[in-house]
Amino acid sequence: IDFIDTADSYGPYVSEDLIGQMEWPRAVIATKGGFVRTGPDLWV
């Protein structure tokens, strides 16, 4: 699987950190921005 989709708001930052710890020599990494998180299940 070579298309990975994440976002800075997932965690926040947790998902990106985990992905960043892996080597992805042939994958396209997509991420998103534009939300701030003020708590669980809250998206601004």
PDB file of all heavy atoms in Angstrom:
ATOM      1  N   ILE A   1       0.870  -1.180   0.000  1.00  0.00           N
ATOM      2  CA  ILE A   1       0.000   0.000   0.000  1.00  0.00           C
ATOM      3  C   ILE A   1       0.906   1.229   0.000  1.00  0.00           C
ATOM      4  O   ILE A   1       1.746   1.399   0.884  1.00  0.00           O
ATOM      5  CB  ILE A   1      -0.931   0.000   1.228  1.00  0.00           C
ATOM      6  CG1 ILE A   1      -1.883  -1.198   1.158  1.00  0.00           C
ATOM      7  CG2 ILE A   1      -1.703   1.307   1.329  1.00  0.00           C
ATOM      8  CD1 ILE A   1      -2.700  -1.411   2.414  1.00  0.00           C
ATOM      9  N   ASP A   2       0.752   2.081  -1.010  1.00  0.00           N
ATOM     10  CA  ASP A   2       1.705   3.168  -1.187  1.00  0.00           C
ATOM     11  C   ASP A   2       1.057   4.556  -1.200  1.00  0.00           C
ATOM     12  O   ASP A   2       1.648   5.524  -1.674  1.00  0.00           O
ATOM     13  CB  ASP A   2       2.530   2.965  -2.453  1.00  0.00           C
ATOM     14  CG  ASP A   2       1.673   2.736  -3.692  1.00  0.00           C
ATOM     15  OD1 ASP A   2       0.435   2.893  -3.615  1.00  0.00           O
ATOM     16  OD2 ASP A   2       2.240   2.384  -4.752  1.00  0.00           O
ATOM     17  N   PHE A   3      -0.175   4.641  -0.674  1.00  0.00           N
ATOM     18  CA  PHE A   3      -0.822   5.949  -0.510  1.00  0.00           C
ATOM     19  C   PHE A   3      -1.314   6.026   0.927  1.00  0.00           C
ATOM     20  O   PHE A   3      -2.233   5.311   1.325  1.00  0.00           O
ATOM     21  CB  PHE A   3      -1.983   6.114  -1.490  1.00  0.00           C
ATOM     22  CG  PHE A   3      -2.685   7.441  -1.374  1.00  0.00           C
ATOM     23  CD1 PHE A   3      -1.968   8.627  -1.438  1.00  0.00           C
ATOM     24  CD2 PHE A   3      -4.057   7.500  -1.195  1.00  0.00           C
ATOM     25  CE1 PHE A   3      -2.608   9.849  -1.323  1.00  0.00           C
ATOM     26  CE2 PHE A   3      -4.715   8.717  -1.087  1.00  0.00           C
ATOM     27  CZ  PHE A   3      -3.988   9.900  -1.151  1.00  0.00           C
ATOM     28  N   ILE A   4      -0.679   6.881   1.726  1.00  0.00           N
ATOM     29  CA  ILE A   4      -0.977   7.012   3.149  1.00  0.00           C
ATOM     30  C   ILE A   4      -1.573   8.377   3.392  1.00  0.00           C
ATOM     31  O   ILE A   4      -0.969   9.407   3.051  1.00  0.00           O
ATOM     32  CB  ILE A   4       0.308   6.859   4.007  1.00  0.00           C
ATOM     33  CG1 ILE A   4       1.187   5.711   3.499  1.00  0.00           C
ATOM     34  CG2 ILE A   4      -0.055   6.702   5.481  1.00  0.00           C
ATOM     35  CD1 ILE A   4       0.541   4.363   3.530  1.00  0.00           C
ATOM     36  N   ASP A   5      -2.757   8.426   3.995  1.00  0.00           N
ATOM     37  CA  ASP A   5      -3.444   9.689   4.246  1.00  0.00           C
ATOM     38  C   ASP A   5      -3.538   9.950   5.746  1.00  0.00           C
ATOM     39  O   ASP A   5      -4.023   9.110   6.508  1.00  0.00           O
ATOM     40  CB  ASP A   5      -4.848   9.658   3.639  1.00  0.00           C
ATOM     41  CG  ASP A   5      -5.590  10.966   3.870  1.00  0.00           C
ATOM     42  OD1 ASP A   5      -5.418  11.882   3.042  1.00  0.00           O
ATOM     43  OD2 ASP A   5      -6.321  11.077   4.865  1.00  0.00           O
ATOM     44  N   THR A   6      -3.091  11.128   6.167  1.00  0.00           N
ATOM     45  CA  THR A   6      -3.159  11.501   7.576  1.00  0.00           C
ATOM     46  C   THR A   6      -3.537  12.973   7.679  1.00  0.00           C
ATOM     47  O   THR A   6      -3.959  13.595   6.704  1.00  0.00           O
ATOM     48  CB  THR A   6      -1.819  11.190   8.285  1.00  0.00           C
ATOM     49  OG1 THR A   6      -1.951  11.445   9.677  1.00  0.00           O
ATOM     50  CG2 THR A   6      -0.676  12.005   7.717  1.00  0.00           C
ATOM     51  N   ALA A   7      -3.373  13.561   8.869  1.00  0.00           N
ATOM     52  CA  ALA A   7      -3.652  14.983   9.085  1.00  0.00           C
ATOM     53  C   ALA A   7      -2.977  15.419  10.375  1.00  0.00           C
ATOM     54  O   ALA A   7      -2.806  14.620  11.301  1.00  0.00           O
ATOM     55  CB  ALA A   7      -5.160  15.245   9.179  1.00  0.00           C
ATOM     56  N   ASP A   8      -2.609  16.701  10.445  1.00  0.00           N
ATOM     57  CA  ASP A   8      -1.987  17.185  11.675  1.00  0.00           C
ATOM     58  C   ASP A   8      -2.958  17.137  12.858  1.00  0.00           C
ATOM     59  O   ASP A   8      -2.546  17.048  14.010  1.00  0.00           O
ATOM     60  CB  ASP A   8      -1.421  18.593  11.491  1.00  0.00           C
ATOM     61  CG  ASP A   8      -2.455  19.633  11.083  1.00  0.00           C
ATOM     62  OD1 ASP A   8      -3.643  19.469  11.389  1.00  0.00           O
ATOM     63  OD2 ASP A   8      -2.068  20.632  10.451  1.00  0.00           O
ATOM     64  N   SER A   9      -4.244  17.161  12.576  1.00  0.00           N
ATOM     65  CA  SER A   9      -5.259  17.176  13.642  1.00  0.00           C
ATOM     66  C   SER A   9      -5.539  15.802  14.231  1.00  0.00           C
ATOM     67  O   SER A   9      -6.265  15.696  15.225  1.00  0.00           O
ATOM     68  CB  SER A   9      -6.557  17.776  13.109  1.00  0.00           C
ATOM     69  OG  SER A   9      -7.001  17.080  11.956  1.00  0.00           O
ATOM     70  N   TYR A  10      -5.000  14.753  13.652  1.00  0.00           N
ATOM     71  CA  TYR A  10      -5.244  13.408  14.180  1.00  0.00           C
ATOM     72  C   TYR A  10      -4.345  13.187  15.393  1.00  0.00           C
ATOM     73  O   TYR A  10      -3.180  12.849  15.278  1.00  0.00           O
ATOM     74  CB  TYR A  10      -4.971  12.347  13.122  1.00  0.00           C
ATOM     75  CG  TYR A  10      -5.872  12.410  11.907  1.00  0.00           C
ATOM     76  CD1 TYR A  10      -5.549  11.740  10.733  1.00  0.00           C
ATOM     77  CD2 TYR A  10      -7.058  13.144  11.929  1.00  0.00           C
ATOM     78  CE1 TYR A  10      -6.370  11.785   9.620  1.00  0.00           C
ATOM     79  CE2 TYR A  10      -7.878  13.200  10.816  1.00  0.00           C
ATOM     80  CZ  TYR A  10      -7.531  12.525   9.656  1.00  0.00           C
ATOM     81  OH  TYR A  10      -8.343  12.574   8.553  1.00  0.00           O
ATOM     82  N   GLY A  11      -4.911  13.403  16.534  1.00  0.00           N
ATOM     83  CA  GLY A  11      -4.175  13.220  17.786  1.00  0.00           C
ATOM     84  C   GLY A  11      -4.314  14.369  18.765  1.00  0.00           C
ATOM     85  O   GLY A  11      -4.689  14.145  19.890  1.00  0.00           O
ATOM     86  N   PRO A  12      -4.038  15.618  18.438  1.00  0.00           N
ATOM     87  CA  PRO A  12      -3.365  16.046  17.216  1.00  0.00           C
ATOM     88  C   PRO A  12      -1.906  15.600  17.192  1.00  0.00           C
ATOM     89  O   PRO A  12      -1.319  15.333  18.236  1.00  0.00           O
ATOM     90  CB  PRO A  12      -3.470  17.574  17.281  1.00  0.00           C
ATOM     91  CG  PRO A  12      -3.570  17.881  18.741  1.00  0.00           C
ATOM     92  CD  PRO A  12      -4.300  16.732  19.371  1.00  0.00           C
ATOM     93  N   TYR A  13      -1.368  15.515  15.996  1.00  0.00           N
ATOM     94  CA  TYR A  13       0.043  15.244  15.726  1.00  0.00           C
ATOM     95  C   TYR A  13       0.459  13.789  15.930  1.00  0.00           C
ATOM     96  O   TYR A  13       1.503  13.377  15.422  1.00  0.00           O
ATOM     97  CB  TYR A  13       0.963  16.150  16.558  1.00  0.00           C
ATOM     98  CG  TYR A  13       0.554  17.602  16.563  1.00  0.00           C
ATOM     99  CD1 TYR A  13       0.498  18.341  17.733  1.00  0.00           C
ATOM    100  CD2 TYR A  13       0.193  18.232  15.374  1.00  0.00           C
ATOM    101  CE1 TYR A  13       0.112  19.680  17.723  1.00  0.00           C
ATOM    102  CE2 TYR A  13      -0.196  19.566  15.357  1.00  0.00           C
ATOM    103  CZ  TYR A  13      -0.241  20.283  16.536  1.00  0.00           C
ATOM    104  OH  TYR A  13      -0.642  21.597  16.523  1.00  0.00           O
ATOM    105  N   VAL A  14      -0.337  12.993  16.636  1.00  0.00           N
ATOM    106  CA  VAL A  14       0.054  11.620  16.966  1.00  0.00           C
ATOM    107  C   VAL A  14       0.238  10.774  15.713  1.00  0.00           C
ATOM    108  O   VAL A  14       1.237  10.054  15.562  1.00  0.00           O
ATOM    109  CB  VAL A  14      -0.990  10.981  17.904  1.00  0.00           C
ATOM    110  CG1 VAL A  14      -0.700   9.491  18.093  1.00  0.00           C
ATOM    111  CG2 VAL A  14      -1.017  11.696  19.246  1.00  0.00           C
ATOM    112  N   SER A  15      -0.724  10.835  14.809  1.00  0.00           N
ATOM    113  CA  SER A  15      -0.667  10.019  13.599  1.00  0.00           C
ATOM    114  C   SER A  15       0.552  10.365  12.759  1.00  0.00           C
ATOM    115  O   SER A  15       1.282   9.479  12.289  1.00  0.00           O
ATOM    116  CB  SER A  15      -1.956  10.208  12.787  1.00  0.00           C
ATOM    117  OG  SER A  15      -1.908   9.511  11.569  1.00  0.00           O
ATOM    118  N   GLU A  16       0.797  11.649  12.559  1.00  0.00           N
ATOM    119  CA  GLU A  16       1.960  12.047  11.766  1.00  0.00           C
ATOM    120  C   GLU A  16       3.264  11.576  12.421  1.00  0.00           C
ATOM    121  O   GLU A  16       4.184  11.139  11.734  1.00  0.00           O
ATOM    122  CB  GLU A  16       1.990  13.568  11.601  1.00  0.00           C
ATOM    123  CG  GLU A  16       0.961  14.112  10.624  1.00  0.00           C
ATOM    124  CD  GLU A  16       1.119  15.593  10.379  1.00  0.00           C
ATOM    125  OE1 GLU A  16       1.637  16.314  11.276  1.00  0.00           O
ATOM    126  OE2 GLU A  16       0.722  16.054   9.292  1.00  0.00           O
ATOM    127  N   ASP A  17       3.347  11.683  13.733  1.00  0.00           N
ATOM    128  CA  ASP A  17       4.555  11.245  14.432  1.00  0.00           C
ATOM    129  C   ASP A  17       4.820   9.755  14.205  1.00  0.00           C
ATOM    130  O   ASP A  17       5.958   9.343  13.962  1.00  0.00           O
ATOM    131  CB  ASP A  17       4.438  11.526  15.932  1.00  0.00           C
ATOM    132  CG  ASP A  17       4.787  12.973  16.284  1.00  0.00           C
ATOM    133  OD1 ASP A  17       5.573  13.594  15.551  1.00  0.00           O
ATOM    134  OD2 ASP A  17       4.266  13.474  17.299  1.00  0.00           O
ATOM    135  N   LEU A  18       3.771   8.930  14.303  1.00  0.00           N
ATOM    136  CA  LEU A  18       3.937   7.495  14.107  1.00  0.00           C
ATOM    137  C   LEU A  18       4.381   7.186  12.672  1.00  0.00           C
ATOM    138  O   LEU A  18       5.278   6.359  12.448  1.00  0.00           O
ATOM    139  CB  LEU A  18       2.641   6.756  14.424  1.00  0.00           C
ATOM    140  CG  LEU A  18       2.293   6.622  15.905  1.00  0.00           C
ATOM    141  CD1 LEU A  18       0.877   6.096  16.077  1.00  0.00           C
ATOM    142  CD2 LEU A  18       3.282   5.696  16.613  1.00  0.00           C
ATOM    143  N   ILE A  19       3.773   7.847  11.716  1.00  0.00           N
ATOM    144  CA  ILE A  19       4.144   7.632  10.316  1.00  0.00           C
ATOM    145  C   ILE A  19       5.586   8.068  10.078  1.00  0.00           C
ATOM    146  O   ILE A  19       6.350   7.413   9.364  1.00  0.00           O
ATOM    147  CB  ILE A  19       3.175   8.385   9.387  1.00  0.00           C
ATOM    148  CG1 ILE A  19       1.778   7.747   9.463  1.00  0.00           C
ATOM    149  CG2 ILE A  19       3.680   8.400   7.942  1.00  0.00           C
ATOM    150  CD1 ILE A  19       0.691   8.572   8.815  1.00  0.00           C
ATOM    151  N   GLY A  20       5.975   9.180  10.705  1.00  0.00           N
ATOM    152  CA  GLY A  20       7.317   9.702  10.530  1.00  0.00           C
ATOM    153  C   GLY A  20       8.409   8.809  11.092  1.00  0.00           C
ATOM    154  O   GLY A  20       9.578   8.937  10.721  1.00  0.00           O
ATOM    155  N   GLN A  21       8.028   7.900  11.979  1.00  0.00           N
ATOM    156  CA  GLN A  21       9.006   6.974  12.557  1.00  0.00           C
ATOM    157  C   GLN A  21       9.313   5.799  11.627  1.00  0.00           C
ATOM    158  O   GLN A  21      10.237   5.032  11.887  1.00  0.00           O
ATOM    159  CB  GLN A  21       8.493   6.449  13.900  1.00  0.00           C
ATOM    160  CG  GLN A  21       8.403   7.510  14.987  1.00  0.00           C
ATOM    161  CD  GLN A  21       7.706   7.013  16.232  1.00  0.00           C
ATOM    162  OE1 GLN A  21       7.730   5.832  16.548  1.00  0.00           O
ATOM    163  NE2 GLN A  21       7.063   7.919  16.952  1.00  0.00           N
ATOM    164  N   MET A  22       8.533   5.664  10.551  1.00  0.00           N
ATOM    165  CA  MET A  22       8.717   4.572   9.597  1.00  0.00           C
ATOM    166  C   MET A  22       9.458   5.068   8.359  1.00  0.00           C
ATOM    167  O   MET A  22       9.410   6.252   8.011  1.00  0.00           O
ATOM    168  CB  MET A  22       7.354   4.012   9.167  1.00  0.00           C
ATOM    169  CG  MET A  22       6.511   3.448  10.279  1.00  0.00           C
ATOM    170  SD  MET A  22       7.080   1.817  10.796  1.00  0.00           S
ATOM    171  CE  MET A  22       6.724   0.868   9.310  1.00  0.00           C
ATOM    172  N   GLU A  23      10.099   4.159   7.664  1.00  0.00           N
ATOM    173  CA  GLU A  23      10.695   4.459   6.368  1.00  0.00           C
ATOM    174  C   GLU A  23       9.669   4.153   5.278  1.00  0.00           C
ATOM    175  O   GLU A  23       9.059   3.081   5.280  1.00  0.00           O
ATOM    176  CB  GLU A  23      11.959   3.630   6.152  1.00  0.00           C
ATOM    177  CG  GLU A  23      13.090   3.953   7.123  1.00  0.00           C
ATOM    178  CD  GLU A  23      13.708   5.320   6.883  1.00  0.00           C
ATOM    179  OE1 GLU A  23      13.619   5.808   5.734  1.00  0.00           O
ATOM    180  OE2 GLU A  23      14.261   5.900   7.837  1.00  0.00           O
ATOM    181  N   TRP A  24       9.471   5.088   4.355  1.00  0.00           N
ATOM    182  CA  TRP A  24       8.495   4.913   3.277  1.00  0.00           C
ATOM    183  C   TRP A  24       9.178   5.173   1.934  1.00  0.00           C
ATOM    184  O   TRP A  24       8.956   6.208   1.296  1.00  0.00           O
ATOM    185  CB  TRP A  24       7.319   5.866   3.466  1.00  0.00           C
ATOM    186  CG  TRP A  24       6.592   5.680   4.760  1.00  0.00           C
ATOM    187  CD1 TRP A  24       6.750   6.402   5.898  1.00  0.00           C
ATOM    188  CD2 TRP A  24       5.613   4.680   5.046  1.00  0.00           C
ATOM    189  NE1 TRP A  24       5.911   5.932   6.883  1.00  0.00           N
ATOM    190  CE2 TRP A  24       5.196   4.878   6.399  1.00  0.00           C
ATOM    191  CE3 TRP A  24       5.027   3.644   4.303  1.00  0.00           C
ATOM    192  CZ2 TRP A  24       4.244   4.063   7.006  1.00  0.00           C
ATOM    193  CZ3 TRP A  24       4.074   2.848   4.903  1.00  0.00           C
ATOM    194  CH2 TRP A  24       3.684   3.059   6.239  1.00  0.00           C
ATOM    195  N   PRO A  25       9.998   4.259   1.469  1.00  0.00           N
ATOM    196  CA  PRO A  25      10.786   4.524   0.264  1.00  0.00           C
ATOM    197  C   PRO A  25       9.973   4.691  -1.007  1.00  0.00           C
ATOM    198  O   PRO A  25      10.415   5.367  -1.934  1.00  0.00           O
ATOM    199  CB  PRO A  25      11.711   3.302   0.173  1.00  0.00           C
ATOM    200  CG  PRO A  25      11.007   2.223   0.944  1.00  0.00           C
ATOM    201  CD  PRO A  25      10.288   2.925   2.050  1.00  0.00           C
ATOM    202  N   ARG A  26       8.777   4.099  -1.069  1.00  0.00           N
ATOM    203  CA  ARG A  26       8.012   4.155  -2.320  1.00  0.00           C
ATOM    204  C   ARG A  26       6.581   4.639  -2.105  1.00  0.00           C
ATOM    205  O   ARG A  26       5.731   4.432  -2.968  1.00  0.00           O
ATOM    206  CB  ARG A  26       7.987   2.771  -2.986  1.00  0.00           C
ATOM    207  CG  ARG A  26       9.339   2.322  -3.528  1.00  0.00           C
ATOM    208  CD  ARG A  26       9.286   0.948  -4.135  1.00  0.00           C
ATOM    209  NE  ARG A  26       8.967  -0.067  -3.133  1.00  0.00           N
ATOM    210  CZ  ARG A  26       9.863  -0.597  -2.311  1.00  0.00           C
ATOM    211  NH1 ARG A  26      11.118  -0.219  -2.366  1.00  0.00           N
ATOM    212  NH2 ARG A  26       9.499  -1.510  -1.432  1.00  0.00           N
ATOM    213  N   ALA A  27       6.302   5.300  -1.007  1.00  0.00           N
ATOM    214  CA  ALA A  27       4.928   5.691  -0.716  1.00  0.00           C
ATOM    215  C   ALA A  27       4.719   7.198  -0.889  1.00  0.00           C
ATOM    216  O   ALA A  27       5.635   7.996  -0.715  1.00  0.00           O
ATOM    217  CB  ALA A  27       4.558   5.295   0.708  1.00  0.00           C
ATOM    218  N   VAL A  28       3.490   7.548  -1.272  1.00  0.00           N
ATOM    219  CA  VAL A  28       3.054   8.939  -1.286  1.00  0.00           C
ATOM    220  C   VAL A  28       2.382   9.214   0.060  1.00  0.00           C
ATOM    221  O   VAL A  28       1.415   8.540   0.424  1.00  0.00           O
ATOM    222  CB  VAL A  28       2.064   9.193  -2.441  1.00  0.00           C
ATOM    223  CG1 VAL A  28       1.428  10.569  -2.311  1.00  0.00           C
ATOM    224  CG2 VAL A  28       2.782   9.059  -3.784  1.00  0.00           C
ATOM    225  N   ILE A  29       2.910  10.182   0.789  1.00  0.00           N
ATOM    226  CA  ILE A  29       2.344  10.545   2.086  1.00  0.00           C
ATOM    227  C   ILE A  29       1.530  11.824   1.911  1.00  0.00           C
ATOM    228  O   ILE A  29       2.078  12.868   1.534  1.00  0.00           O
ATOM    229  CB  ILE A  29       3.438  10.765   3.148  1.00  0.00           C
ATOM    230  CG1 ILE A  29       4.372   9.549   3.217  1.00  0.00           C
ATOM    231  CG2 ILE A  29       2.810  11.065   4.502  1.00  0.00           C
ATOM    232  CD1 ILE A  29       3.719   8.284   3.684  1.00  0.00           C
ATOM    233  N   ALA A  30       0.248  11.728   2.169  1.00  0.00           N
ATOM    234  CA  ALA A  30      -0.640  12.887   2.093  1.00  0.00           C
ATOM    235  C   ALA A  30      -1.038  13.292   3.508  1.00  0.00           C
ATOM    236  O   ALA A  30      -1.309  12.440   4.350  1.00  0.00           O
ATOM    237  CB  ALA A  30      -1.892  12.543   1.286  1.00  0.00           C
ATOM    238  N   THR A  31      -1.056  14.598   3.760  1.00  0.00           N
ATOM    239  CA  THR A  31      -1.538  15.064   5.052  1.00  0.00           C
ATOM    240  C   THR A  31      -2.447  16.273   4.843  1.00  0.00           C
ATOM    241  O   THR A  31      -2.576  16.785   3.723  1.00  0.00           O
ATOM    242  CB  THR A  31      -0.378  15.370   6.025  1.00  0.00           C
ATOM    243  OG1 THR A  31      -0.907  15.553   7.346  1.00  0.00           O
ATOM    244  CG2 THR A  31       0.411  16.594   5.602  1.00  0.00           C
ATOM    245  N   LYS A  32      -3.075  16.694   5.913  1.00  0.00           N
ATOM    246  CA  LYS A  32      -4.044  17.782   5.837  1.00  0.00           C
ATOM    247  C   LYS A  32      -3.814  18.759   6.985  1.00  0.00           C
ATOM    248  O   LYS A  32      -3.260  18.399   8.018  1.00  0.00           O
ATOM    249  CB  LYS A  32      -5.478  17.227   5.931  1.00  0.00           C
ATOM    250  CG  LYS A  32      -5.827  16.263   4.817  1.00  0.00           C
ATOM    251  CD  LYS A  32      -7.253  15.745   4.933  1.00  0.00           C
ATOM    252  CE  LYS A  32      -7.449  14.760   6.071  1.00  0.00           C
ATOM    253  NZ  LYS A  32      -6.677  13.494   5.891  1.00  0.00           N
ATOM    254  N   GLY A  33      -4.264  19.993   6.795  1.00  0.00           N
ATOM    255  CA  GLY A  33      -4.202  21.000   7.833  1.00  0.00           C
ATOM    256  C   GLY A  33      -5.395  21.928   7.724  1.00  0.00           C
ATOM    257  O   GLY A  33      -6.041  22.003   6.674  1.00  0.00           O
ATOM    258  N   GLY A  34      -5.683  22.639   8.799  1.00  0.00           N
ATOM    259  CA  GLY A  34      -6.797  23.581   8.783  1.00  0.00           C
ATOM    260  C   GLY A  34      -7.767  23.411   9.930  1.00  0.00           C
ATOM    261  O   GLY A  34      -8.753  24.129  10.013  1.00  0.00           O
ATOM    262  N   PHE A  35      -7.499  22.455  10.818  1.00  0.00           N
ATOM    263  CA  PHE A  35      -8.284  22.275  12.037  1.00  0.00           C
ATOM    264  C   PHE A  35      -7.378  22.473  13.246  1.00  0.00           C
ATOM    265  O   PHE A  35      -6.219  22.031  13.238  1.00  0.00           O
ATOM    266  CB  PHE A  35      -8.857  20.859  12.136  1.00  0.00           C
ATOM    267  CG  PHE A  35     -10.186  20.652  11.467  1.00  0.00           C
ATOM    268  CD1 PHE A  35     -10.384  19.564  10.639  1.00  0.00           C
ATOM    269  CD2 PHE A  35     -11.247  21.511  11.684  1.00  0.00           C
ATOM    270  CE1 PHE A  35     -11.615  19.336  10.034  1.00  0.00           C
ATOM    271  CE2 PHE A  35     -12.476  21.304  11.080  1.00  0.00           C
ATOM    272  CZ  PHE A  35     -12.662  20.221  10.259  1.00  0.00           C
ATOM    273  N   VAL A  36      -7.903  23.084  14.290  1.00  0.00           N
ATOM    274  CA  VAL A  36      -7.264  22.994  15.601  1.00  0.00           C
ATOM    275  C   VAL A  36      -8.146  22.109  16.463  1.00  0.00           C
ATOM    276  O   VAL A  36      -9.359  22.033  16.265  1.00  0.00           O
ATOM    277  CB  VAL A  36      -7.072  24.375  16.271  1.00  0.00           C
ATOM    278  CG1 VAL A  36      -6.099  25.212  15.475  1.00  0.00           C
ATOM    279  CG2 VAL A  36      -8.396  25.116  16.420  1.00  0.00           C
ATOM    280  N   ARG A  37      -7.523  21.456  17.424  1.00  0.00           N
ATOM    281  CA  ARG A  37      -8.238  20.535  18.296  1.00  0.00           C
ATOM    282  C   ARG A  37      -8.288  21.117  19.708  1.00  0.00           C
ATOM    283  O   ARG A  37      -7.271  21.473  20.283  1.00  0.00           O
ATOM    284  CB  ARG A  37      -7.533  19.178  18.323  1.00  0.00           C
ATOM    285  CG  ARG A  37      -7.383  18.509  16.970  1.00  0.00           C
ATOM    286  CD  ARG A  37      -8.729  18.186  16.335  1.00  0.00           C
ATOM    287  NE  ARG A  37      -9.581  17.416  17.220  1.00  0.00           N
ATOM    288  CZ  ARG A  37      -9.450  16.111  17.461  1.00  0.00           C
ATOM    289  NH1 ARG A  37      -8.481  15.433  16.867  1.00  0.00           N
ATOM    290  NH2 ARG A  37     -10.267  15.483  18.289  1.00  0.00           N
ATOM    291  N   THR A  38      -9.481  21.204  20.253  1.00  0.00           N
ATOM    292  CA  THR A  38      -9.660  21.726  21.606  1.00  0.00           C
ATOM    293  C   THR A  38     -10.107  20.639  22.574  1.00  0.00           C
ATOM    294  O   THR A  38     -10.392  20.933  23.736  1.00  0.00           O
ATOM    295  CB  THR A  38     -10.682  22.874  21.601  1.00  0.00           C
ATOM    296  OG1 THR A  38     -11.911  22.417  21.022  1.00  0.00           O
ATOM    297  CG2 THR A  38     -10.155  24.050  20.774  1.00  0.00           C
ATOM    298  N   GLY A  39     -10.161  19.407  22.108  1.00  0.00           N
ATOM    299  CA  GLY A  39     -10.536  18.286  22.955  1.00  0.00           C
ATOM    300  C   GLY A  39     -10.986  17.119  22.117  1.00  0.00           C
ATOM    301  O   GLY A  39     -11.071  17.211  20.874  1.00  0.00           O
ATOM    302  N   PRO A  40     -11.281  15.969  22.752  1.00  0.00           N
ATOM    303  CA  PRO A  40     -11.741  14.791  22.010  1.00  0.00           C
ATOM    304  C   PRO A  40     -12.986  15.100  21.175  1.00  0.00           C
ATOM    305  O   PRO A  40     -13.941  15.720  21.665  1.00  0.00           O
ATOM    306  CB  PRO A  40     -12.039  13.780  23.113  1.00  0.00           C
ATOM    307  CG  PRO A  40     -11.201  14.215  24.271  1.00  0.00           C
ATOM    308  CD  PRO A  40     -11.168  15.713  24.202  1.00  0.00           C
ATOM    309  N   ASP A  41     -12.952  14.689  19.915  1.00  0.00           N
ATOM    310  CA  ASP A  41     -14.074  14.854  18.991  1.00  0.00           C
ATOM    311  C   ASP A  41     -14.437  16.309  18.728  1.00  0.00           C
ATOM    312  O   ASP A  41     -15.538  16.592  18.231  1.00  0.00           O
ATOM    313  CB  ASP A  41     -15.319  14.089  19.484  1.00  0.00           C
ATOM    314  CG  ASP A  41     -15.164  12.583  19.347  1.00  0.00           C
ATOM    315  OD1 ASP A  41     -14.618  12.136  18.324  1.00  0.00           O
ATOM    316  OD2 ASP A  41     -15.571  11.861  20.281  1.00  0.00           O
ATOM    317  N   LEU A  42     -13.558  17.239  19.031  1.00  0.00           N
ATOM    318  CA  LEU A  42     -13.795  18.655  18.773  1.00  0.00           C
ATOM    319  C   LEU A  42     -12.853  19.127  17.663  1.00  0.00           C
ATOM    320  O   LEU A  42     -11.649  18.902  17.723  1.00  0.00           O
ATOM    321  CB  LEU A  42     -13.580  19.489  20.038  1.00  0.00           C
ATOM    322  CG  LEU A  42     -14.526  19.185  21.204  1.00  0.00           C
ATOM    323  CD1 LEU A  42     -14.124  19.983  22.439  1.00  0.00           C
ATOM    324  CD2 LEU A  42     -15.972  19.488  20.824  1.00  0.00           C
ATOM    325  N   TRP A  43     -13.435  19.780  16.667  1.00  0.00           N
ATOM    326  CA  TRP A  43     -12.676  20.197  15.484  1.00  0.00           C
ATOM    327  C   TRP A  43     -13.071  21.628  15.154  1.00  0.00           C
ATOM    328  O   TRP A  43     -14.236  21.908  14.875  1.00  0.00           O
ATOM    329  CB  TRP A  43     -13.006  19.296  14.289  1.00  0.00           C
ATOM    330  CG  TRP A  43     -12.909  17.827  14.584  1.00  0.00           C
ATOM    331  CD1 TRP A  43     -13.818  17.065  15.282  1.00  0.00           C
ATOM    332  CD2 TRP A  43     -11.852  16.942  14.212  1.00  0.00           C
ATOM    333  NE1 TRP A  43     -13.382  15.770  15.352  1.00  0.00           N
ATOM    334  CE2 TRP A  43     -12.183  15.657  14.716  1.00  0.00           C
ATOM    335  CE3 TRP A  43     -10.662  17.114  13.504  1.00  0.00           C
ATOM    336  CZ2 TRP A  43     -11.360  14.551  14.515  1.00  0.00           C
ATOM    337  CZ3 TRP A  43      -9.847  16.018  13.307  1.00  0.00           C
ATOM    338  CH2 TRP A  43     -10.195  14.751  13.806  1.00  0.00           C
ATOM    339  N   VAL A  44     -12.106  22.537  15.166  1.00  0.00           N
ATOM    340  CA  VAL A  44     -12.378  23.950  14.908  1.00  0.00           C
ATOM    341  C   VAL A  44     -11.565  24.389  13.686  1.00  0.00           C
ATOM    342  O   VAL A  44     -10.336  24.352  13.715  1.00  0.00           O
ATOM    343  CB  VAL A  44     -12.001  24.815  16.121  1.00  0.00           C
ATOM    344  CG1 VAL A  44     -12.309  26.291  15.841  1.00  0.00           C
ATOM    345  CG2 VAL A  44     -12.727  24.342  17.379  1.00  0.00           C
TER     346      VAL A  44
END
